[in-house]
């Protein structure tokens, strides 16, 4: 699946593993983002996905700033 950006990738990753109620999901996502030890593997995986798509992440980051 192609992702528009890293945030979309993270939202989907969080949703796949989330087990609470829909009402609590946004707050759980925000809390989940604060756990850098959890996010680093997702960042690495997203980088690999973009590399396989032929996307230069540095250019993408600059474009989205």
C-alpha atoms as a PDB file:
ATOM      1  CA  UNK A   1       0.000   0.000   0.000  1.00  0.00           C
ATOM      2  CA  UNK A   2       1.229   3.487  -0.781  1.00  0.00           C
ATOM      3  CA  UNK A   3       1.149   6.026   2.017  1.00  0.00           C
ATOM      4  CA  UNK A   4       0.906   9.776   1.458  1.00  0.00           C
ATOM      5  CA  UNK A   5       3.191  10.456   4.407  1.00  0.00           C
ATOM      6  CA  UNK A   6       4.695   9.061   7.592  1.00  0.00           C
ATOM      7  CA  UNK A   7       1.744  10.176   9.699  1.00  0.00           C
ATOM      8  CA  UNK A   8      -0.686   8.164   7.568  1.00  0.00           C
ATOM      9  CA  UNK A   9       1.609   5.147   7.928  1.00  0.00           C
ATOM     10  CA  UNK A  10       1.717   5.557  11.708  1.00  0.00           C
ATOM     11  CA  UNK A  11      -2.047   5.967  11.985  1.00  0.00           C
ATOM     12  CA  UNK A  12      -2.585   2.704  10.134  1.00  0.00           C
ATOM     13  CA  UNK A  13       0.083   0.917  12.168  1.00  0.00           C
ATOM     14  CA  UNK A  14      -1.537   2.090  15.410  1.00  0.00           C
ATOM     15  CA  UNK A  15      -5.024   1.099  14.224  1.00  0.00           C
ATOM     16  CA  UNK A  16      -3.864  -2.435  13.369  1.00  0.00           C
ATOM     17  CA  UNK A  17      -2.758  -3.048  16.954  1.00  0.00           C
ATOM     18  CA  UNK A  18      -5.298  -0.952  18.842  1.00  0.00           C
ATOM     19  CA  UNK A  19      -7.744  -2.904  21.016  1.00  0.00           C
ATOM     20  CA  UNK A  20      -9.702  -0.182  22.831  1.00  0.00           C
ATOM     21  CA  UNK A  21     -12.876   1.663  21.952  1.00  0.00           C
ATOM     22  CA  UNK A  22     -13.236   4.052  19.026  1.00  0.00           C
ATOM     23  CA  UNK A  23     -13.878   6.922  21.446  1.00  0.00           C
ATOM     24  CA  UNK A  24     -10.493   6.440  23.112  1.00  0.00           C
ATOM     25  CA  UNK A  25      -8.490   5.828  19.940  1.00  0.00           C
ATOM     26  CA  UNK A  26      -7.350   9.427  19.236  1.00  0.00           C
ATOM     27  CA  UNK A  27      -6.019   9.865  22.783  1.00  0.00           C
ATOM     28  CA  UNK A  28      -4.364   6.436  22.673  1.00  0.00           C
ATOM     29  CA  UNK A  29      -2.710   7.365  19.363  1.00  0.00           C
ATOM     30  CA  UNK A  30      -1.330  10.604  20.811  1.00  0.00           C
ATOM     31  CA  UNK A  31       0.054   8.701  23.797  1.00  0.00           C
ATOM     32  CA  UNK A  32       1.507   6.024  21.518  1.00  0.00           C
ATOM     33  CA  UNK A  33       3.375   8.700  19.530  1.00  0.00           C
ATOM     34  CA  UNK A  34       5.277   9.717  22.674  1.00  0.00           C
ATOM     35  CA  UNK A  35       6.907   6.276  22.974  1.00  0.00           C
ATOM     36  CA  UNK A  36      10.015   6.706  20.814  1.00  0.00           C
ATOM     37  CA  UNK A  37      11.174   3.144  21.418  1.00  0.00           C
ATOM     38  CA  UNK A  38       7.986   2.007  19.697  1.00  0.00           C
ATOM     39  CA  UNK A  39       8.213   4.507  16.843  1.00  0.00           C
ATOM     40  CA  UNK A  40      11.806   3.882  15.769  1.00  0.00           C
ATOM     41  CA  UNK A  41      11.088   0.470  14.175  1.00  0.00           C
ATOM     42  CA  UNK A  42       8.110   1.991  12.341  1.00  0.00           C
ATOM     43  CA  UNK A  43      10.296   4.829  11.083  1.00  0.00           C
ATOM     44  CA  UNK A  44      12.843   2.311   9.813  1.00  0.00           C
ATOM     45  CA  UNK A  45      10.126   0.259   8.119  1.00  0.00           C
ATOM     46  CA  UNK A  46       8.603   3.363   6.507  1.00  0.00           C
ATOM     47  CA  UNK A  47      12.023   4.342   5.202  1.00  0.00           C
ATOM     48  CA  UNK A  48      12.425   0.917   3.611  1.00  0.00           C
ATOM     49  CA  UNK A  49       8.980   1.146   2.010  1.00  0.00           C
ATOM     50  CA  UNK A  50       9.815   4.540   0.525  1.00  0.00           C
ATOM     51  CA  UNK A  51      13.197   3.303  -0.660  1.00  0.00           C
ATOM     52  CA  UNK A  52      11.504   0.443  -2.505  1.00  0.00           C
ATOM     53  CA  UNK A  53       9.117   2.990  -4.061  1.00  0.00           C
ATOM     54  CA  UNK A  54      12.132   4.991  -5.229  1.00  0.00           C
ATOM     55  CA  UNK A  55      11.283   7.988  -3.057  1.00  0.00           C
ATOM     56  CA  UNK A  56      14.002  10.233  -1.660  1.00  0.00           C
ATOM     57  CA  UNK A  57      12.876  10.799   1.939  1.00  0.00           C
ATOM     58  CA  UNK A  58      14.972  13.934   2.365  1.00  0.00           C
ATOM     59  CA  UNK A  59      13.148  15.548  -0.548  1.00  0.00           C
ATOM     60  CA  UNK A  60       9.794  14.401   0.820  1.00  0.00           C
ATOM     61  CA  UNK A  61      10.516  15.873   4.254  1.00  0.00           C
ATOM     62  CA  UNK A  62      11.582  19.212   2.805  1.00  0.00           C
ATOM     63  CA  UNK A  63       8.529  19.314   0.533  1.00  0.00           C
ATOM     64  CA  UNK A  64       6.176  18.740   3.481  1.00  0.00           C
ATOM     65  CA  UNK A  65       7.675  21.376   5.749  1.00  0.00           C
END
